[in-house]
Structure formats: structure tokens, C-alpha cells
N, C-alpha and C. Protein backbone atom coordinates (compact mmCIF):
# COMPACT_ATOMS: atom_id res chain seq x y z
N MET A 1 -43.69 44.21 -31.21
CA MET A 1 -43.40 42.81 -31.15
C MET A 1 -42.07 42.62 -30.42
N SER A 2 -42.10 41.74 -29.45
CA SER A 2 -40.89 41.51 -28.67
C SER A 2 -40.22 40.21 -29.10
N VAL A 3 -38.92 40.23 -29.03
CA VAL A 3 -38.13 39.07 -29.42
C VAL A 3 -37.92 38.21 -28.16
N PRO A 4 -38.22 36.93 -28.27
CA PRO A 4 -38.01 36.11 -27.07
C PRO A 4 -36.53 35.99 -26.74
N ILE A 5 -36.26 35.91 -25.45
CA ILE A 5 -34.88 35.75 -24.97
C ILE A 5 -34.45 34.31 -25.23
N PRO A 6 -33.29 34.17 -25.89
CA PRO A 6 -32.83 32.81 -26.17
C PRO A 6 -32.49 32.09 -24.85
N PRO A 7 -32.66 30.80 -24.85
CA PRO A 7 -32.35 30.06 -23.62
C PRO A 7 -30.85 30.10 -23.33
N ILE A 8 -30.54 30.14 -22.05
CA ILE A 8 -29.14 30.14 -21.61
C ILE A 8 -28.62 28.71 -21.74
N PRO A 9 -27.49 28.57 -22.42
CA PRO A 9 -26.97 27.21 -22.57
C PRO A 9 -26.58 26.65 -21.20
N ALA A 10 -26.95 25.43 -20.99
CA ALA A 10 -26.63 24.77 -19.72
C ALA A 10 -25.22 24.19 -19.78
N ALA A 11 -24.57 24.26 -18.65
CA ALA A 11 -23.23 23.66 -18.56
C ALA A 11 -23.39 22.16 -18.67
N PRO A 12 -22.43 21.53 -19.31
CA PRO A 12 -22.54 20.07 -19.42
C PRO A 12 -22.54 19.45 -18.03
N THR A 13 -23.46 18.56 -17.83
CA THR A 13 -23.54 17.91 -16.53
C THR A 13 -22.55 16.76 -16.49
N ALA A 14 -21.91 16.65 -15.36
CA ALA A 14 -20.95 15.57 -15.18
C ALA A 14 -21.71 14.27 -14.96
N THR A 15 -21.17 13.23 -15.51
CA THR A 15 -21.81 11.94 -15.30
C THR A 15 -21.53 11.49 -13.88
N ARG A 16 -22.27 10.52 -13.45
CA ARG A 16 -22.10 10.01 -12.09
C ARG A 16 -20.79 9.26 -11.93
N THR A 17 -20.14 8.95 -13.02
CA THR A 17 -18.89 8.19 -12.95
C THR A 17 -17.69 9.03 -13.38
N HIS A 18 -17.82 10.35 -13.31
CA HIS A 18 -16.73 11.22 -13.76
C HIS A 18 -15.46 11.07 -12.91
N TRP A 19 -15.56 10.48 -11.77
CA TRP A 19 -14.42 10.33 -10.87
C TRP A 19 -13.55 9.12 -11.22
N LEU A 20 -14.03 8.24 -12.06
CA LEU A 20 -13.33 6.99 -12.32
C LEU A 20 -11.99 7.19 -13.03
N LYS A 21 -11.98 7.95 -14.11
CA LYS A 21 -10.73 8.14 -14.88
C LYS A 21 -9.65 8.83 -14.04
N PRO A 22 -9.95 9.93 -13.34
CA PRO A 22 -8.90 10.54 -12.51
C PRO A 22 -8.37 9.62 -11.42
N LEU A 23 -9.29 8.85 -10.82
CA LEU A 23 -8.87 7.89 -9.80
C LEU A 23 -7.92 6.86 -10.40
N ALA A 24 -8.30 6.30 -11.54
CA ALA A 24 -7.48 5.26 -12.17
C ALA A 24 -6.14 5.83 -12.64
N GLN A 25 -6.15 7.04 -13.21
CA GLN A 25 -4.90 7.66 -13.66
C GLN A 25 -3.97 7.93 -12.49
N GLY A 26 -4.51 8.50 -11.43
CA GLY A 26 -3.69 8.78 -10.25
C GLY A 26 -3.12 7.51 -9.66
N SER A 27 -3.94 6.48 -9.58
CA SER A 27 -3.49 5.19 -9.06
C SER A 27 -2.42 4.59 -9.96
N PHE A 28 -2.61 4.68 -11.26
CA PHE A 28 -1.64 4.15 -12.21
C PHE A 28 -0.28 4.81 -12.04
N TRP A 29 -0.26 6.13 -12.03
CA TRP A 29 1.01 6.85 -11.94
C TRP A 29 1.68 6.63 -10.59
N LEU A 30 0.92 6.59 -9.52
CA LEU A 30 1.49 6.33 -8.20
C LEU A 30 2.09 4.93 -8.14
N CYS A 31 1.37 3.95 -8.62
CA CYS A 31 1.89 2.57 -8.62
C CYS A 31 3.11 2.43 -9.51
N LEU A 32 3.12 3.13 -10.63
CA LEU A 32 4.28 3.08 -11.52
C LEU A 32 5.51 3.70 -10.84
N VAL A 33 5.32 4.83 -10.18
CA VAL A 33 6.43 5.46 -9.46
C VAL A 33 6.95 4.53 -8.36
N LEU A 34 6.04 3.88 -7.64
CA LEU A 34 6.46 2.95 -6.59
C LEU A 34 7.18 1.74 -7.17
N THR A 35 6.76 1.27 -8.33
CA THR A 35 7.45 0.16 -8.98
C THR A 35 8.89 0.55 -9.32
N VAL A 36 9.05 1.73 -9.92
CA VAL A 36 10.39 2.21 -10.28
C VAL A 36 11.23 2.41 -9.01
N TYR A 37 10.62 2.96 -7.96
CA TYR A 37 11.33 3.15 -6.70
C TYR A 37 11.84 1.81 -6.15
N CYS A 38 11.00 0.80 -6.15
CA CYS A 38 11.41 -0.52 -5.63
C CYS A 38 12.52 -1.12 -6.47
N LEU A 39 12.47 -0.90 -7.78
CA LEU A 39 13.55 -1.40 -8.63
C LEU A 39 14.85 -0.67 -8.35
N LEU A 40 14.78 0.64 -8.16
CA LEU A 40 15.99 1.40 -7.79
C LEU A 40 16.51 0.97 -6.43
N GLN A 41 15.60 0.69 -5.51
CA GLN A 41 15.98 0.21 -4.19
C GLN A 41 16.72 -1.12 -4.30
N ALA A 42 16.26 -1.98 -5.20
CA ALA A 42 16.94 -3.26 -5.42
C ALA A 42 18.36 -3.04 -5.94
N LEU A 43 18.52 -2.07 -6.82
CA LEU A 43 19.87 -1.76 -7.33
C LEU A 43 20.78 -1.25 -6.23
N VAL A 44 20.24 -0.42 -5.35
CA VAL A 44 21.04 0.10 -4.23
C VAL A 44 21.36 -1.03 -3.25
N ALA A 45 20.46 -1.98 -3.12
CA ALA A 45 20.65 -3.07 -2.16
C ALA A 45 21.74 -4.05 -2.58
N ILE A 46 22.06 -4.09 -3.86
CA ILE A 46 23.09 -5.03 -4.33
C ILE A 46 24.43 -4.77 -3.63
N PRO A 47 24.98 -3.55 -3.69
CA PRO A 47 26.25 -3.35 -2.97
C PRO A 47 26.05 -3.29 -1.45
N LEU A 48 24.88 -2.86 -1.01
CA LEU A 48 24.62 -2.75 0.43
C LEU A 48 24.66 -4.13 1.09
N ALA A 49 24.10 -5.12 0.45
CA ALA A 49 24.04 -6.46 1.03
C ALA A 49 25.43 -7.08 1.17
N ALA A 50 26.39 -6.61 0.38
CA ALA A 50 27.74 -7.15 0.43
C ALA A 50 28.59 -6.51 1.53
N LEU A 51 28.12 -5.44 2.11
CA LEU A 51 28.89 -4.75 3.15
C LEU A 51 28.97 -5.60 4.43
N PRO A 52 30.12 -5.62 5.07
CA PRO A 52 30.25 -6.39 6.31
C PRO A 52 29.29 -5.90 7.41
N LEU A 53 29.05 -4.61 7.46
CA LEU A 53 28.13 -4.07 8.47
C LEU A 53 26.72 -4.62 8.26
N TRP A 54 26.27 -4.69 7.00
CA TRP A 54 24.94 -5.21 6.72
C TRP A 54 24.86 -6.70 7.07
N GLN A 55 25.90 -7.45 6.73
CA GLN A 55 25.92 -8.88 7.03
C GLN A 55 25.96 -9.11 8.54
N HIS A 56 26.66 -8.24 9.25
CA HIS A 56 26.69 -8.33 10.72
C HIS A 56 25.31 -8.06 11.30
N LEU A 57 24.61 -7.09 10.74
CA LEU A 57 23.24 -6.77 11.18
C LEU A 57 22.33 -7.98 10.98
N ALA A 58 22.45 -8.64 9.85
CA ALA A 58 21.63 -9.83 9.57
C ALA A 58 21.98 -10.95 10.55
N SER A 59 23.26 -11.13 10.84
CA SER A 59 23.65 -12.20 11.77
C SER A 59 23.18 -11.87 13.19
N LEU A 60 23.17 -10.61 13.56
CA LEU A 60 22.64 -10.22 14.87
C LEU A 60 21.14 -10.52 14.97
N ALA A 61 20.43 -10.27 13.90
CA ALA A 61 18.99 -10.56 13.89
C ALA A 61 18.76 -12.06 14.09
N TRP A 62 19.61 -12.88 13.50
CA TRP A 62 19.48 -14.33 13.67
C TRP A 62 19.84 -14.75 15.09
N GLU A 63 20.96 -14.24 15.59
CA GLU A 63 21.43 -14.61 16.93
C GLU A 63 20.45 -14.21 18.02
N HIS A 64 19.80 -13.08 17.86
CA HIS A 64 18.87 -12.61 18.89
C HIS A 64 17.46 -13.15 18.69
N GLY A 65 17.27 -13.98 17.69
CA GLY A 65 15.97 -14.62 17.48
C GLY A 65 14.87 -13.67 17.05
N LEU A 66 15.25 -12.63 16.31
CA LEU A 66 14.22 -11.72 15.82
C LEU A 66 13.36 -12.42 14.77
N ASP A 67 12.26 -11.82 14.46
CA ASP A 67 11.30 -12.39 13.53
C ASP A 67 12.01 -12.87 12.27
N ARG A 68 11.69 -14.08 11.82
CA ARG A 68 12.38 -14.67 10.67
C ARG A 68 12.11 -13.92 9.37
N THR A 69 10.96 -13.28 9.25
CA THR A 69 10.73 -12.50 8.03
C THR A 69 11.64 -11.27 8.00
N LEU A 70 11.89 -10.68 9.15
CA LEU A 70 12.83 -9.56 9.22
C LEU A 70 14.22 -10.04 8.87
N TRP A 71 14.60 -11.17 9.42
CA TRP A 71 15.91 -11.75 9.11
C TRP A 71 16.03 -12.02 7.60
N TRP A 72 14.99 -12.60 7.00
CA TRP A 72 15.03 -12.89 5.57
C TRP A 72 15.21 -11.61 4.76
N MET A 73 14.49 -10.55 5.14
CA MET A 73 14.63 -9.28 4.41
C MET A 73 16.03 -8.70 4.57
N LEU A 74 16.67 -8.91 5.71
CA LEU A 74 18.03 -8.43 5.91
C LEU A 74 19.05 -9.27 5.12
N VAL A 75 18.80 -10.56 5.03
CA VAL A 75 19.72 -11.44 4.29
C VAL A 75 19.53 -11.30 2.78
N HIS A 76 18.30 -11.04 2.36
CA HIS A 76 17.98 -10.96 0.92
C HIS A 76 17.32 -9.61 0.59
N PRO A 77 18.02 -8.50 0.76
CA PRO A 77 17.38 -7.20 0.50
C PRO A 77 17.02 -6.99 -0.98
N VAL A 78 17.79 -7.56 -1.88
CA VAL A 78 17.47 -7.41 -3.30
C VAL A 78 16.19 -8.17 -3.63
N SER A 79 16.08 -9.39 -3.15
CA SER A 79 14.86 -10.17 -3.39
C SER A 79 13.64 -9.52 -2.76
N ALA A 80 13.81 -8.98 -1.55
CA ALA A 80 12.68 -8.30 -0.88
C ALA A 80 12.24 -7.09 -1.69
N SER A 81 13.19 -6.34 -2.23
CA SER A 81 12.85 -5.16 -3.04
C SER A 81 12.19 -5.57 -4.35
N LEU A 82 12.69 -6.64 -4.96
CA LEU A 82 12.09 -7.10 -6.21
C LEU A 82 10.68 -7.66 -5.98
N LEU A 83 10.47 -8.30 -4.85
CA LEU A 83 9.13 -8.78 -4.51
C LEU A 83 8.16 -7.62 -4.33
N ALA A 84 8.63 -6.56 -3.66
CA ALA A 84 7.80 -5.36 -3.51
C ALA A 84 7.52 -4.72 -4.88
N ALA A 85 8.53 -4.72 -5.76
CA ALA A 85 8.34 -4.17 -7.11
C ALA A 85 7.31 -4.99 -7.88
N LEU A 86 7.31 -6.30 -7.70
CA LEU A 86 6.35 -7.16 -8.38
C LEU A 86 4.92 -6.86 -7.91
N VAL A 87 4.74 -6.67 -6.62
CA VAL A 87 3.42 -6.31 -6.09
C VAL A 87 2.98 -4.95 -6.65
N CYS A 88 3.91 -3.99 -6.69
CA CYS A 88 3.58 -2.67 -7.25
C CYS A 88 3.27 -2.76 -8.74
N LEU A 89 3.99 -3.62 -9.45
CA LEU A 89 3.72 -3.78 -10.88
C LEU A 89 2.32 -4.36 -11.11
N ALA A 90 1.93 -5.32 -10.28
CA ALA A 90 0.58 -5.89 -10.39
C ALA A 90 -0.47 -4.80 -10.15
N SER A 91 -0.22 -3.93 -9.18
CA SER A 91 -1.16 -2.82 -8.92
C SER A 91 -1.16 -1.84 -10.08
N THR A 92 0.00 -1.63 -10.69
CA THR A 92 0.09 -0.74 -11.85
C THR A 92 -0.76 -1.29 -13.00
N LEU A 93 -0.64 -2.57 -13.25
CA LEU A 93 -1.41 -3.20 -14.33
C LEU A 93 -2.91 -3.15 -14.04
N ALA A 94 -3.29 -3.38 -12.79
CA ALA A 94 -4.70 -3.30 -12.42
C ALA A 94 -5.22 -1.88 -12.62
N SER A 95 -4.42 -0.89 -12.26
CA SER A 95 -4.82 0.50 -12.44
C SER A 95 -4.94 0.86 -13.91
N TRP A 96 -4.01 0.35 -14.73
CA TRP A 96 -4.09 0.60 -16.17
C TRP A 96 -5.37 0.01 -16.74
N GLY A 97 -5.69 -1.22 -16.32
CA GLY A 97 -6.91 -1.86 -16.80
C GLY A 97 -8.15 -1.09 -16.37
N LEU A 98 -8.16 -0.56 -15.16
CA LEU A 98 -9.29 0.25 -14.70
C LEU A 98 -9.37 1.55 -15.50
N TRP A 99 -8.23 2.18 -15.74
CA TRP A 99 -8.17 3.44 -16.48
C TRP A 99 -8.75 3.25 -17.89
N HIS A 100 -8.43 2.13 -18.52
CA HIS A 100 -8.90 1.88 -19.89
C HIS A 100 -10.20 1.08 -19.93
N GLU A 101 -10.85 0.98 -18.80
CA GLU A 101 -12.18 0.38 -18.66
C GLU A 101 -12.25 -1.05 -19.19
N ARG A 102 -11.26 -1.83 -18.81
CA ARG A 102 -11.26 -3.25 -19.14
C ARG A 102 -11.89 -4.01 -17.98
N ARG A 103 -12.68 -5.02 -18.31
CA ARG A 103 -13.35 -5.80 -17.26
C ARG A 103 -12.33 -6.44 -16.32
N TRP A 104 -11.24 -7.02 -16.89
CA TRP A 104 -10.22 -7.62 -16.05
C TRP A 104 -9.57 -6.58 -15.14
N GLY A 105 -9.46 -5.33 -15.64
CA GLY A 105 -8.88 -4.26 -14.83
C GLY A 105 -9.76 -3.92 -13.64
N LEU A 106 -11.08 -3.93 -13.88
CA LEU A 106 -12.01 -3.67 -12.78
C LEU A 106 -11.85 -4.72 -11.69
N TRP A 107 -11.87 -6.00 -12.08
CA TRP A 107 -11.77 -7.07 -11.08
C TRP A 107 -10.40 -7.11 -10.43
N ALA A 108 -9.35 -6.86 -11.19
CA ALA A 108 -8.00 -6.83 -10.61
C ALA A 108 -7.87 -5.68 -9.62
N TYR A 109 -8.45 -4.54 -9.95
CA TYR A 109 -8.37 -3.38 -9.07
C TYR A 109 -9.15 -3.63 -7.77
N VAL A 110 -10.32 -4.22 -7.90
CA VAL A 110 -11.13 -4.53 -6.71
C VAL A 110 -10.39 -5.52 -5.82
N TRP A 111 -9.80 -6.56 -6.42
CA TRP A 111 -9.03 -7.51 -5.64
C TRP A 111 -7.83 -6.83 -4.98
N ALA A 112 -7.18 -5.93 -5.69
CA ALA A 112 -6.04 -5.21 -5.11
C ALA A 112 -6.50 -4.36 -3.92
N LEU A 113 -7.66 -3.72 -4.05
CA LEU A 113 -8.20 -2.95 -2.93
C LEU A 113 -8.43 -3.84 -1.71
N LEU A 114 -9.08 -4.96 -1.93
CA LEU A 114 -9.43 -5.83 -0.81
C LEU A 114 -8.20 -6.50 -0.19
N LEU A 115 -7.26 -6.92 -1.04
CA LEU A 115 -6.04 -7.54 -0.51
C LEU A 115 -5.16 -6.53 0.22
N SER A 116 -5.10 -5.31 -0.28
CA SER A 116 -4.30 -4.31 0.42
C SER A 116 -4.94 -3.91 1.74
N ALA A 117 -6.27 -3.93 1.81
CA ALA A 117 -6.94 -3.66 3.09
C ALA A 117 -6.58 -4.73 4.10
N LEU A 118 -6.57 -5.98 3.67
CA LEU A 118 -6.17 -7.08 4.55
C LEU A 118 -4.69 -6.97 4.92
N ALA A 119 -3.86 -6.63 3.94
CA ALA A 119 -2.42 -6.50 4.18
C ALA A 119 -2.11 -5.45 5.23
N ASN A 120 -2.89 -4.38 5.28
CA ASN A 120 -2.66 -3.35 6.30
C ASN A 120 -2.74 -3.93 7.71
N PHE A 121 -3.70 -4.82 7.94
CA PHE A 121 -3.83 -5.44 9.26
C PHE A 121 -2.67 -6.39 9.54
N VAL A 122 -2.26 -7.15 8.52
CA VAL A 122 -1.14 -8.07 8.69
C VAL A 122 0.15 -7.29 8.98
N ILE A 123 0.37 -6.20 8.28
CA ILE A 123 1.57 -5.39 8.50
C ILE A 123 1.54 -4.75 9.88
N THR A 124 0.38 -4.32 10.34
CA THR A 124 0.27 -3.77 11.69
C THR A 124 0.68 -4.82 12.72
N TRP A 125 0.16 -6.04 12.57
CA TRP A 125 0.52 -7.12 13.48
C TRP A 125 2.02 -7.40 13.41
N TRP A 126 2.60 -7.40 12.20
CA TRP A 126 4.01 -7.69 12.02
C TRP A 126 4.88 -6.63 12.68
N PHE A 127 4.55 -5.35 12.48
CA PHE A 127 5.31 -4.27 13.11
C PHE A 127 5.26 -4.39 14.63
N ASP A 128 4.09 -4.67 15.17
CA ASP A 128 3.97 -4.80 16.62
C ASP A 128 4.84 -5.94 17.13
N ARG A 129 4.83 -7.05 16.44
CA ARG A 129 5.64 -8.21 16.83
C ARG A 129 7.13 -7.89 16.79
N VAL A 130 7.59 -7.27 15.71
CA VAL A 130 9.01 -6.93 15.58
C VAL A 130 9.43 -5.90 16.62
N LEU A 131 8.59 -4.89 16.83
CA LEU A 131 8.95 -3.86 17.82
C LEU A 131 9.01 -4.44 19.23
N ARG A 132 8.14 -5.36 19.55
CA ARG A 132 8.23 -6.04 20.86
C ARG A 132 9.59 -6.70 21.03
N GLN A 133 10.03 -7.41 20.00
CA GLN A 133 11.31 -8.11 20.08
C GLN A 133 12.48 -7.14 20.16
N VAL A 134 12.47 -6.11 19.34
CA VAL A 134 13.58 -5.15 19.32
C VAL A 134 13.62 -4.37 20.63
N PHE A 135 12.48 -3.91 21.10
CA PHE A 135 12.45 -3.13 22.34
C PHE A 135 12.87 -3.97 23.54
N ALA A 136 12.56 -5.25 23.53
CA ALA A 136 13.01 -6.12 24.63
C ALA A 136 14.53 -6.23 24.64
N LEU A 137 15.15 -6.12 23.48
CA LEU A 137 16.61 -6.20 23.41
C LEU A 137 17.29 -4.90 23.84
N ILE A 138 16.69 -3.76 23.55
CA ILE A 138 17.39 -2.50 23.80
C ILE A 138 17.01 -1.83 25.12
N ALA A 139 15.99 -2.31 25.78
CA ALA A 139 15.58 -1.69 27.04
C ALA A 139 16.59 -2.03 28.13
N ASP A 140 17.21 -0.99 28.70
CA ASP A 140 18.23 -1.18 29.73
C ASP A 140 17.64 -1.32 31.13
N ASP A 141 16.61 -0.58 31.40
CA ASP A 141 16.01 -0.62 32.74
C ASP A 141 14.49 -0.64 32.61
N PRO A 142 13.80 -0.92 33.72
CA PRO A 142 12.34 -1.04 33.65
C PRO A 142 11.63 0.23 33.18
N SER A 143 12.14 1.41 33.54
CA SER A 143 11.47 2.64 33.11
C SER A 143 11.59 2.83 31.60
N MET A 144 12.75 2.48 31.06
CA MET A 144 12.93 2.56 29.61
C MET A 144 12.03 1.54 28.91
N ALA A 145 11.92 0.36 29.49
CA ALA A 145 11.06 -0.68 28.91
C ALA A 145 9.61 -0.22 28.89
N ARG A 146 9.15 0.43 29.97
CA ARG A 146 7.77 0.94 30.00
C ARG A 146 7.57 2.04 28.96
N GLU A 147 8.54 2.93 28.83
CA GLU A 147 8.43 4.02 27.86
C GLU A 147 8.41 3.48 26.42
N LEU A 148 9.30 2.54 26.13
CA LEU A 148 9.32 1.95 24.79
C LEU A 148 8.04 1.16 24.52
N ASP A 149 7.53 0.49 25.54
CA ASP A 149 6.29 -0.27 25.36
C ASP A 149 5.13 0.68 25.09
N MET A 150 5.11 1.83 25.76
CA MET A 150 4.05 2.81 25.53
C MET A 150 4.14 3.37 24.10
N GLN A 151 5.35 3.63 23.65
CA GLN A 151 5.53 4.12 22.28
C GLN A 151 5.10 3.06 21.26
N ARG A 152 5.44 1.80 21.54
CA ARG A 152 5.02 0.72 20.66
C ARG A 152 3.50 0.61 20.62
N LEU A 153 2.88 0.74 21.77
CA LEU A 153 1.43 0.65 21.84
C LEU A 153 0.77 1.80 21.06
N MET A 154 1.29 3.02 21.21
CA MET A 154 0.74 4.17 20.48
C MET A 154 0.93 3.98 18.97
N PHE A 155 2.08 3.48 18.58
CA PHE A 155 2.36 3.23 17.16
C PHE A 155 1.39 2.19 16.61
N THR A 156 1.19 1.11 17.36
CA THR A 156 0.31 0.03 16.92
C THR A 156 -1.14 0.50 16.83
N VAL A 157 -1.58 1.26 17.83
CA VAL A 157 -2.96 1.77 17.81
C VAL A 157 -3.16 2.71 16.63
N THR A 158 -2.16 3.54 16.34
CA THR A 158 -2.24 4.44 15.19
C THR A 158 -2.33 3.65 13.89
N LEU A 159 -1.47 2.64 13.75
CA LEU A 159 -1.53 1.80 12.55
C LEU A 159 -2.85 1.05 12.44
N LEU A 160 -3.33 0.55 13.57
CA LEU A 160 -4.59 -0.19 13.56
C LEU A 160 -5.75 0.73 13.19
N GLY A 161 -5.76 1.93 13.75
CA GLY A 161 -6.81 2.89 13.40
C GLY A 161 -6.80 3.25 11.93
N SER A 162 -5.60 3.48 11.38
CA SER A 162 -5.53 3.80 9.95
C SER A 162 -5.90 2.59 9.10
N SER A 163 -5.59 1.38 9.59
CA SER A 163 -5.98 0.17 8.86
C SER A 163 -7.49 0.04 8.80
N VAL A 164 -8.15 0.33 9.91
CA VAL A 164 -9.62 0.28 9.94
C VAL A 164 -10.20 1.33 9.01
N LEU A 165 -9.66 2.55 9.08
CA LEU A 165 -10.14 3.64 8.23
C LEU A 165 -9.97 3.28 6.75
N PHE A 166 -8.78 2.84 6.38
CA PHE A 166 -8.53 2.52 4.97
C PHE A 166 -9.32 1.30 4.51
N ALA A 167 -9.52 0.33 5.40
CA ALA A 167 -10.34 -0.83 5.03
C ALA A 167 -11.76 -0.38 4.72
N GLY A 168 -12.28 0.57 5.52
CA GLY A 168 -13.61 1.10 5.24
C GLY A 168 -13.66 1.84 3.92
N LEU A 169 -12.67 2.68 3.67
CA LEU A 169 -12.63 3.43 2.41
C LEU A 169 -12.44 2.51 1.20
N GLN A 170 -11.57 1.54 1.34
CA GLN A 170 -11.33 0.62 0.23
C GLN A 170 -12.54 -0.28 -0.02
N GLY A 171 -13.20 -0.69 1.05
CA GLY A 171 -14.42 -1.48 0.89
C GLY A 171 -15.52 -0.68 0.21
N TRP A 172 -15.65 0.59 0.62
CA TRP A 172 -16.64 1.46 0.01
C TRP A 172 -16.33 1.65 -1.48
N LEU A 173 -15.05 1.88 -1.80
CA LEU A 173 -14.67 2.08 -3.21
C LEU A 173 -14.92 0.80 -4.02
N ALA A 174 -14.60 -0.35 -3.45
CA ALA A 174 -14.87 -1.62 -4.15
C ALA A 174 -16.37 -1.78 -4.40
N TRP A 175 -17.17 -1.43 -3.40
CA TRP A 175 -18.63 -1.51 -3.56
C TRP A 175 -19.10 -0.58 -4.67
N ARG A 176 -18.55 0.65 -4.70
CA ARG A 176 -18.93 1.61 -5.76
C ARG A 176 -18.53 1.10 -7.13
N LEU A 177 -17.36 0.52 -7.24
CA LEU A 177 -16.90 0.03 -8.54
C LEU A 177 -17.70 -1.17 -9.03
N LEU A 178 -18.26 -1.93 -8.11
CA LEU A 178 -18.99 -3.14 -8.51
C LEU A 178 -20.49 -2.92 -8.66
N ARG A 179 -20.94 -1.68 -8.53
CA ARG A 179 -22.36 -1.41 -8.78
C ARG A 179 -22.67 -1.69 -10.24
N PRO A 180 -23.90 -2.10 -10.55
CA PRO A 180 -24.24 -2.47 -11.94
C PRO A 180 -23.98 -1.35 -12.96
N ASP A 181 -24.25 -0.09 -12.60
CA ASP A 181 -24.02 1.00 -13.56
C ASP A 181 -22.53 1.18 -13.85
N MET A 182 -21.69 0.89 -12.87
CA MET A 182 -20.25 1.00 -13.11
C MET A 182 -19.73 -0.20 -13.89
N ARG A 183 -20.18 -1.39 -13.51
CA ARG A 183 -19.73 -2.60 -14.23
C ARG A 183 -20.11 -2.56 -15.69
N ALA A 184 -21.21 -1.88 -16.01
CA ALA A 184 -21.67 -1.80 -17.40
C ALA A 184 -20.69 -1.03 -18.30
N ARG A 185 -19.88 -0.18 -17.69
CA ARG A 185 -18.90 0.60 -18.48
C ARG A 185 -17.73 -0.24 -18.96
N PHE A 186 -17.49 -1.36 -18.35
CA PHE A 186 -16.28 -2.15 -18.61
C PHE A 186 -16.56 -3.23 -19.64
N ARG A 187 -15.61 -3.39 -20.55
CA ARG A 187 -15.78 -4.37 -21.61
C ARG A 187 -14.70 -5.43 -21.53
């Protein structure tokens, strides 16, 4: 009489949503670190904004007609840093909600994905605009102007390409998060 061979225990199969918690945790910790960084930056900006050199830089930006948002950030570096910290804090809260599978966290995270994808394009446009203005001021001769313009163009194309890539990835992730099987996990 032979003894049957016992079945080999199967490894636990990962669920189709096993990636959600690590994604949310990583996003939470990254956003929290960025929030703390922006707050520390605001603290550093307090004495920096009072320096005559910094104030002179801000007045030069005004005199040369540089982009008004750049001028505002130079005049109000503490406010700009606190505004960035507020955006990072909102992303931190959205990530926490996603991590703990809250319905509001899911929707906040999806909105953060979509808004940041749009923001990448706006920031690309803003950088190109500011660099055009700055390079027009510092170019001494036509050859330098052509070289700086080529560098600006390469920088802008690189930013635009990464904006398109990230918009695709963020759109795909938002679509994955909003599938019915994923939405069912959130309460």
C-alpha cells in the first residue's frame, strides 16, 4: 500500500491591487518630506528676504520687466515657500486618505494626479517664458543669443516631453484607481 504524496502548499497569490498600499505609502512619505522641506525653506527665506542683495535682485526683476510671478516670488519668498508647503500638505493628506482606503482619499488623490499633470505643462510654459526674458537680458552678442536660445529650446523640449510622459502615466494611474474593483475597496 502506497501513501499518497501530500499536496504542495501553494504560495499565497497576490491580489490584483497589491500595489496600492506601497504606492500610497511612498507617496505619503515623499509628500510629507516635501512639506517639511518647504517649511524649512520658508524659515531660511525669512532672513534671506531682508538682505540688501536679495532686495536688489527683486528690484532688478521689476526694472527689467521680468515675469510678474517671478518678481512676486522674489519679493515674497516666505509666502511662496508657504504656498508650496500648502500644496504639498494637500498632497500628503490625499496620499494618507488613499493609504487608509478612504473614499475622499481616492478622489483627492485622483484630482491631485490630474492637477499635477496639468501643472507640469503650465510650469513648462512658465520656465520657457522666464528664460526668454532672462536670456534676452544677458546675451551680449548674436552668437551668444543663438546659443542661449538653443539651450532654452532644448530645456523646454525636455520639460515638455517629460510633461507628456508624466501626464500619460498619471492619467493611466487615475484610470486604474477609478476602476470599479478598485473603487469598491474604499469606504
